């Protein structure tokens, strides 16, 4: 069973509930009636043709004031620390010999988000809120991570992204908020004082 794909579909179907569950203060500032999902595919390294695809990408509008438009990106990872190797679009068609794929540099989630931000800014010219959802293994919980480009002892570029590490969050706290998302996500959270059977029952009844 592809858990990553299942949770991607779940978050996409209820992105508003996802934001309200984990980022309630942020949710109060968003006009969810403006929600529009965008093409997830972005191209980089032109003309080399490297293709990168984000998981969930939406355009939203702030409430009140200038009603600024912005992008909201969610990347779903099974575990923290996972790296991926960049692949040319022709690789996915199987045209490149396997031996040519060796020695490629693994790409961290921070680097991948930096690439997405650059490509999406070039295409839409809108600010981006990046979020990484970790399903099964994570050292972080609900928080922020800063990815930096440093050289000669100075930081010249940095990107802040939000994290939701389900294994480090309390099931009791989030399941009690109710809703289909809280039940699905609660099953992957820390049971705390709840027994496994109590956790299962609470998630089913959320």
C-alpha atoms as a PDB file:
ATOM      1  CA  UNK A   1       0.000   0.000   0.000  1.00  0.00           C
ATOM      2  CA  UNK A   2       1.372   3.419  -1.007  1.00  0.00           C
ATOM      3  CA  UNK A   3       0.858   5.391   2.194  1.00  0.00           C
ATOM      4  CA  UNK A   4       2.518   8.502   0.751  1.00  0.00           C
ATOM      5  CA  UNK A   5       0.026   8.654  -2.113  1.00  0.00           C
ATOM      6  CA  UNK A   6      -2.931   7.981   0.177  1.00  0.00           C
ATOM      7  CA  UNK A   7      -2.040  10.884   2.449  1.00  0.00           C
ATOM      8  CA  UNK A   8      -1.298  13.170  -0.496  1.00  0.00           C
ATOM      9  CA  UNK A   9      -4.829  12.552  -1.753  1.00  0.00           C
ATOM     10  CA  UNK A  10      -6.264  13.071   1.726  1.00  0.00           C
ATOM     11  CA  UNK A  11      -4.487  16.380   2.262  1.00  0.00           C
ATOM     12  CA  UNK A  12      -5.392  17.589  -1.221  1.00  0.00           C
ATOM     13  CA  UNK A  13      -9.045  16.738  -0.674  1.00  0.00           C
ATOM     14  CA  UNK A  14      -9.139  18.701   2.608  1.00  0.00           C
ATOM     15  CA  UNK A  15      -6.308  21.197   2.457  1.00  0.00           C
ATOM     16  CA  UNK A  16      -8.404  23.693   4.406  1.00  0.00           C
ATOM     17  CA  UNK A  17      -8.883  21.179   7.247  1.00  0.00           C
ATOM     18  CA  UNK A  18      -5.156  20.348   7.173  1.00  0.00           C
ATOM     19  CA  UNK A  19      -4.191  23.992   7.682  1.00  0.00           C
ATOM     20  CA  UNK A  20      -6.869  24.505  10.345  1.00  0.00           C
ATOM     21  CA  UNK A  21      -5.721  21.415  12.246  1.00  0.00           C
ATOM     22  CA  UNK A  22      -2.004  22.190  12.416  1.00  0.00           C
ATOM     23  CA  UNK A  23      -1.787  25.939  11.770  1.00  0.00           C
ATOM     24  CA  UNK A  24      -4.976  27.440  13.251  1.00  0.00           C
ATOM     25  CA  UNK A  25      -3.539  30.969  13.601  1.00  0.00           C
ATOM     26  CA  UNK A  26      -2.533  30.923   9.951  1.00  0.00           C
ATOM     27  CA  UNK A  27      -5.911  29.506   8.917  1.00  0.00           C
ATOM     28  CA  UNK A  28      -7.691  32.515  10.441  1.00  0.00           C
ATOM     29  CA  UNK A  29      -5.850  34.750   7.962  1.00  0.00           C
ATOM     30  CA  UNK A  30      -6.773  32.735   4.862  1.00  0.00           C
ATOM     31  CA  UNK A  31      -9.781  33.097   2.587  1.00  0.00           C
ATOM     32  CA  UNK A  32     -10.366  29.431   1.721  1.00  0.00           C
ATOM     33  CA  UNK A  33     -13.039  30.291  -0.837  1.00  0.00           C
ATOM     34  CA  UNK A  34     -10.142  31.395  -3.058  1.00  0.00           C
ATOM     35  CA  UNK A  35      -8.543  27.931  -3.023  1.00  0.00           C
ATOM     36  CA  UNK A  36      -7.231  26.896  -6.431  1.00  0.00           C
ATOM     37  CA  UNK A  37      -4.987  23.891  -7.070  1.00  0.00           C
ATOM     38  CA  UNK A  38      -2.202  24.463  -9.571  1.00  0.00           C
ATOM     39  CA  UNK A  39      -0.123  22.379 -11.930  1.00  0.00           C
ATOM     40  CA  UNK A  40       2.382  20.537  -9.723  1.00  0.00           C
ATOM     41  CA  UNK A  41       5.047  20.124 -12.384  1.00  0.00           C
ATOM     42  CA  UNK A  42       7.871  22.633 -12.620  1.00  0.00           C
ATOM     43  CA  UNK A  43      10.885  22.516 -14.912  1.00  0.00           C
ATOM     44  CA  UNK A  44      14.423  23.443 -13.985  1.00  0.00           C
ATOM     45  CA  UNK A  45      17.912  23.206 -15.463  1.00  0.00           C
ATOM     46  CA  UNK A  46      16.629  24.199 -18.875  1.00  0.00           C
ATOM     47  CA  UNK A  47      17.658  23.164 -21.502  1.00  0.00           C
ATOM     48  CA  UNK A  48      18.840  19.979 -19.765  1.00  0.00           C
ATOM     49  CA  UNK A  49      15.208  19.106 -19.169  1.00  0.00           C
ATOM     50  CA  UNK A  50      15.274  18.014 -15.518  1.00  0.00           C
ATOM     51  CA  UNK A  51      11.711  17.588 -14.322  1.00  0.00           C
ATOM     52  CA  UNK A  52      10.610  18.027 -10.726  1.00  0.00           C
ATOM     53  CA  UNK A  53       7.098  17.588  -9.408  1.00  0.00           C
ATOM     54  CA  UNK A  54       5.783  18.859  -6.102  1.00  0.00           C
ATOM     55  CA  UNK A  55       3.130  16.970  -4.123  1.00  0.00           C
ATOM     56  CA  UNK A  56       0.371  19.510  -3.409  1.00  0.00           C
ATOM     57  CA  UNK A  57       0.390  23.066  -4.707  1.00  0.00           C
ATOM     58  CA  UNK A  58      -2.433  25.561  -4.189  1.00  0.00           C
ATOM     59  CA  UNK A  59      -3.054  29.269  -4.633  1.00  0.00           C
ATOM     60  CA  UNK A  60      -4.837  31.094  -1.819  1.00  0.00           C
ATOM     61  CA  UNK A  61      -5.683  34.634  -0.769  1.00  0.00           C
ATOM     62  CA  UNK A  62      -5.221  36.415   2.544  1.00  0.00           C
ATOM     63  CA  UNK A  63      -8.298  37.756   4.276  1.00  0.00           C
ATOM     64  CA  UNK A  64      -8.843  41.498   4.547  1.00  0.00           C
ATOM     65  CA  UNK A  65      -6.327  44.210   3.893  1.00  0.00           C
ATOM     66  CA  UNK A  66      -4.620  43.912   0.528  1.00  0.00           C
ATOM     67  CA  UNK A  67      -5.865  40.312   0.136  1.00  0.00           C
ATOM     68  CA  UNK A  68      -2.451  39.143  -1.051  1.00  0.00           C
ATOM     69  CA  UNK A  69      -2.318  36.004  -3.170  1.00  0.00           C
ATOM     70  CA  UNK A  70       0.198  33.333  -2.179  1.00  0.00           C
ATOM     71  CA  UNK A  71       1.107  29.721  -2.888  1.00  0.00           C
ATOM     72  CA  UNK A  72       0.816  26.892  -0.361  1.00  0.00           C
ATOM     73  CA  UNK A  73       3.006  23.840  -0.966  1.00  0.00           C
ATOM     74  CA  UNK A  74       2.827  20.536   0.938  1.00  0.00           C
ATOM     75  CA  UNK A  75       5.462  17.856   0.485  1.00  0.00           C
ATOM     76  CA  UNK A  76       4.617  14.440   1.994  1.00  0.00           C
ATOM     77  CA  UNK A  77       7.605  12.376   3.164  1.00  0.00           C
ATOM     78  CA  UNK A  78       7.576   8.943   4.799  1.00  0.00           C
ATOM     79  CA  UNK A  79      10.559   9.867   6.959  1.00  0.00           C
ATOM     80  CA  UNK A  80      12.842  12.748   7.832  1.00  0.00           C
ATOM     81  CA  UNK A  81      16.308  12.732   6.330  1.00  0.00           C
ATOM     82  CA  UNK A  82      15.273  11.003   3.148  1.00  0.00           C
ATOM     83  CA  UNK A  83      17.154  12.163   0.073  1.00  0.00           C
ATOM     84  CA  UNK A  84      16.258  11.736  -3.572  1.00  0.00           C
ATOM     85  CA  UNK A  85      18.331  11.701  -6.715  1.00  0.00           C
ATOM     86  CA  UNK A  86      17.464  14.115  -9.504  1.00  0.00           C
ATOM     87  CA  UNK A  87      16.355  12.407 -12.685  1.00  0.00           C
ATOM     88  CA  UNK A  88      16.069  13.729 -16.179  1.00  0.00           C
ATOM     89  CA  UNK A  89      12.692  13.311 -17.798  1.00  0.00           C
ATOM     90  CA  UNK A  90      14.186  10.781 -20.187  1.00  0.00           C
ATOM     91  CA  UNK A  91      15.249   8.602 -17.224  1.00  0.00           C
ATOM     92  CA  UNK A  92      11.623   7.976 -16.298  1.00  0.00           C
ATOM     93  CA  UNK A  93      11.065   6.655 -19.796  1.00  0.00           C
ATOM     94  CA  UNK A  94      13.928   4.246 -19.252  1.00  0.00           C
ATOM     95  CA  UNK A  95      16.065   5.652 -22.067  1.00  0.00           C
ATOM     96  CA  UNK A  96      19.185   6.207 -20.001  1.00  0.00           C
ATOM     97  CA  UNK A  97      21.502   3.248 -19.193  1.00  0.00           C
ATOM     98  CA  UNK A  98      21.422   2.322 -15.515  1.00  0.00           C
ATOM     99  CA  UNK A  99      25.177   2.830 -15.231  1.00  0.00           C
ATOM    100  CA  UNK A 100      24.823   6.498 -16.119  1.00  0.00           C
ATOM    101  CA  UNK A 101      22.563   7.054 -13.117  1.00  0.00           C
ATOM    102  CA  UNK A 102      25.234   6.226 -10.569  1.00  0.00           C
ATOM    103  CA  UNK A 103      27.125   8.916  -8.717  1.00  0.00           C
ATOM    104  CA  UNK A 104      24.377  11.509  -8.804  1.00  0.00           C
ATOM    105  CA  UNK A 105      24.222  13.801  -5.805  1.00  0.00           C
ATOM    106  CA  UNK A 106      21.343  13.071  -3.382  1.00  0.00           C
ATOM    107  CA  UNK A 107      19.012  16.020  -2.904  1.00  0.00           C
ATOM    108  CA  UNK A 108      17.724  16.880   0.587  1.00  0.00           C
ATOM    109  CA  UNK A 109      14.223  18.171   1.263  1.00  0.00           C
ATOM    110  CA  UNK A 110      15.608  21.649   2.000  1.00  0.00           C
ATOM    111  CA  UNK A 111      17.417  21.800  -1.331  1.00  0.00           C
ATOM    112  CA  UNK A 112      14.377  20.467  -3.151  1.00  0.00           C
ATOM    113  CA  UNK A 113      12.153  23.136  -1.600  1.00  0.00           C
ATOM    114  CA  UNK A 114      14.664  25.814  -2.566  1.00  0.00           C
ATOM    115  CA  UNK A 115      14.479  24.618  -6.181  1.00  0.00           C
ATOM    116  CA  UNK A 116      10.674  24.596  -6.053  1.00  0.00           C
ATOM    117  CA  UNK A 117      10.573  28.096  -4.620  1.00  0.00           C
ATOM    118  CA  UNK A 118      12.837  29.459  -7.332  1.00  0.00           C
ATOM    119  CA  UNK A 119      10.890  27.743 -10.133  1.00  0.00           C
ATOM    120  CA  UNK A 120       7.466  28.686  -8.745  1.00  0.00           C
ATOM    121  CA  UNK A 121       8.500  32.290  -8.147  1.00  0.00           C
ATOM    122  CA  UNK A 122       9.717  32.485 -11.742  1.00  0.00           C
ATOM    123  CA  UNK A 123       6.381  31.155 -13.005  1.00  0.00           C
ATOM    124  CA  UNK A 124       3.850  32.840 -10.691  1.00  0.00           C
ATOM    125  CA  UNK A 125       5.693  35.691  -8.927  1.00  0.00           C
ATOM    126  CA  UNK A 126       3.844  34.854  -5.711  1.00  0.00           C
ATOM    127  CA  UNK A 127       5.240  34.193  -2.205  1.00  0.00           C
ATOM    128  CA  UNK A 128       5.279  30.570  -1.090  1.00  0.00           C
ATOM    129  CA  UNK A 129       4.442  28.834   2.197  1.00  0.00           C
ATOM    130  CA  UNK A 130       6.274  25.459   2.128  1.00  0.00           C
ATOM    131  CA  UNK A 131       5.229  22.651   4.493  1.00  0.00           C
ATOM    132  CA  UNK A 132       6.755  19.190   4.916  1.00  0.00           C
ATOM    133  CA  UNK A 133       4.534  16.451   6.355  1.00  0.00           C
ATOM    134  CA  UNK A 134       6.471  13.502   7.832  1.00  0.00           C
ATOM    135  CA  UNK A 135       4.400  10.344   8.254  1.00  0.00           C
ATOM    136  CA  UNK A 136       6.416   7.644  10.037  1.00  0.00           C
ATOM    137  CA  UNK A 137       9.857   8.798  11.180  1.00  0.00           C
ATOM    138  CA  UNK A 138      10.782  12.310  12.240  1.00  0.00           C
ATOM    139  CA  UNK A 139      12.896  14.131  14.799  1.00  0.00           C
ATOM    140  CA  UNK A 140      10.781  17.251  14.464  1.00  0.00           C
ATOM    141  CA  UNK A 141       7.163  17.855  15.359  1.00  0.00           C
ATOM    142  CA  UNK A 142       5.291  21.038  14.619  1.00  0.00           C
ATOM    143  CA  UNK A 143       7.889  23.696  13.892  1.00  0.00           C
ATOM    144  CA  UNK A 144      10.113  25.561  11.472  1.00  0.00           C
ATOM    145  CA  UNK A 145      13.361  24.619   9.732  1.00  0.00           C
ATOM    146  CA  UNK A 146      15.713  27.008   7.953  1.00  0.00           C
ATOM    147  CA  UNK A 147      17.691  25.820   4.934  1.00  0.00           C
ATOM    148  CA  UNK A 148      20.676  28.089   4.245  1.00  0.00           C
ATOM    149  CA  UNK A 149      23.178  28.673   1.492  1.00  0.00           C
ATOM    150  CA  UNK A 150      26.377  29.781   3.162  1.00  0.00           C
ATOM    151  CA  UNK A 151      29.773  30.665   1.751  1.00  0.00           C
ATOM    152  CA  UNK A 152      32.789  32.428   3.242  1.00  0.00           C
ATOM    153  CA  UNK A 153      31.137  32.402   6.633  1.00  0.00           C
ATOM    154  CA  UNK A 154      28.080  34.334   5.452  1.00  0.00           C
ATOM    155  CA  UNK A 155      24.479  33.365   4.671  1.00  0.00           C
ATOM    156  CA  UNK A 156      23.433  34.744   1.305  1.00  0.00           C
ATOM    157  CA  UNK A 157      20.196  32.844   0.832  1.00  0.00           C
ATOM    158  CA  UNK A 158      17.848  31.010   3.180  1.00  0.00           C
ATOM    159  CA  UNK A 159      14.446  29.373   3.077  1.00  0.00           C
ATOM    160  CA  UNK A 160      12.165  28.725   6.048  1.00  0.00           C
ATOM    161  CA  UNK A 161       9.734  25.826   5.809  1.00  0.00           C
ATOM    162  CA  UNK A 162       7.164  24.478   8.252  1.00  0.00           C
ATOM    163  CA  UNK A 163       7.169  20.900   9.510  1.00  0.00           C
ATOM    164  CA  UNK A 164       4.477  18.516  10.704  1.00  0.00           C
ATOM    165  CA  UNK A 165       6.155  15.418  12.125  1.00  0.00           C
ATOM    166  CA  UNK A 166       3.230  13.150  13.008  1.00  0.00           C
ATOM    167  CA  UNK A 167       5.260  10.634  15.107  1.00  0.00           C
ATOM    168  CA  UNK A 168       6.203  13.444  17.520  1.00  0.00           C
ATOM    169  CA  UNK A 169       2.740  14.905  18.002  1.00  0.00           C
ATOM    170  CA  UNK A 170       0.221  13.934  20.687  1.00  0.00           C
ATOM    171  CA  UNK A 171      -2.706  11.934  19.352  1.00  0.00           C
ATOM    172  CA  UNK A 172      -4.933  13.008  22.252  1.00  0.00           C
ATOM    173  CA  UNK A 173      -4.436  16.688  21.438  1.00  0.00           C
ATOM    174  CA  UNK A 174      -5.269  16.473  17.748  1.00  0.00           C
ATOM    175  CA  UNK A 175      -7.817  13.650  17.589  1.00  0.00           C
ATOM    176  CA  UNK A 176     -10.038  15.485  20.065  1.00  0.00           C
ATOM    177  CA  UNK A 177     -10.336  18.341  17.564  1.00  0.00           C
ATOM    178  CA  UNK A 178     -12.434  16.001  15.458  1.00  0.00           C
ATOM    179  CA  UNK A 179     -12.781  15.568  11.728  1.00  0.00           C
ATOM    180  CA  UNK A 180     -11.675  12.928   9.233  1.00  0.00           C
ATOM    181  CA  UNK A 181      -8.164  14.314   9.027  1.00  0.00           C
ATOM    182  CA  UNK A 182      -7.608  14.206  12.780  1.00  0.00           C
ATOM    183  CA  UNK A 183      -8.568  10.533  12.854  1.00  0.00           C
ATOM    184  CA  UNK A 184      -6.335   9.587   9.926  1.00  0.00           C
ATOM    185  CA  UNK A 185      -3.336  11.554  11.190  1.00  0.00           C
ATOM    186  CA  UNK A 186      -3.908  10.584  14.836  1.00  0.00           C
ATOM    187  CA  UNK A 187      -3.229   6.936  14.011  1.00  0.00           C
ATOM    188  CA  UNK A 188       0.380   7.911  13.212  1.00  0.00           C
ATOM    189  CA  UNK A 189       0.890  10.099  16.282  1.00  0.00           C
ATOM    190  CA  UNK A 190       2.174   9.292  19.776  1.00  0.00           C
ATOM    191  CA  UNK A 191      -0.531   7.467  21.750  1.00  0.00           C
ATOM    192  CA  UNK A 192       0.681   8.944  25.032  1.00  0.00           C
ATOM    193  CA  UNK A 193      -1.535   7.713  27.874  1.00  0.00           C
ATOM    194  CA  UNK A 194      -3.862   5.974  25.428  1.00  0.00           C
ATOM    195  CA  UNK A 195      -3.535   2.243  24.849  1.00  0.00           C
ATOM    196  CA  UNK A 196      -3.255   1.059  21.224  1.00  0.00           C
ATOM    197  CA  UNK A 197      -6.892  -0.032  21.359  1.00  0.00           C
ATOM    198  CA  UNK A 198      -8.028   3.329  22.788  1.00  0.00           C
ATOM    199  CA  UNK A 199      -6.071   5.172  20.102  1.00  0.00           C
ATOM    200  CA  UNK A 200      -7.689   3.096  17.359  1.00  0.00           C
ATOM    201  CA  UNK A 201     -11.171   3.658  18.797  1.00  0.00           C
ATOM    202  CA  UNK A 202     -10.662   7.407  19.173  1.00  0.00           C
ATOM    203  CA  UNK A 203      -9.367   7.722  15.600  1.00  0.00           C
ATOM    204  CA  UNK A 204     -12.306   5.772  14.207  1.00  0.00           C
ATOM    205  CA  UNK A 205     -14.754   7.959  16.121  1.00  0.00           C
ATOM    206  CA  UNK A 206     -13.085  11.297  15.263  1.00  0.00           C
END
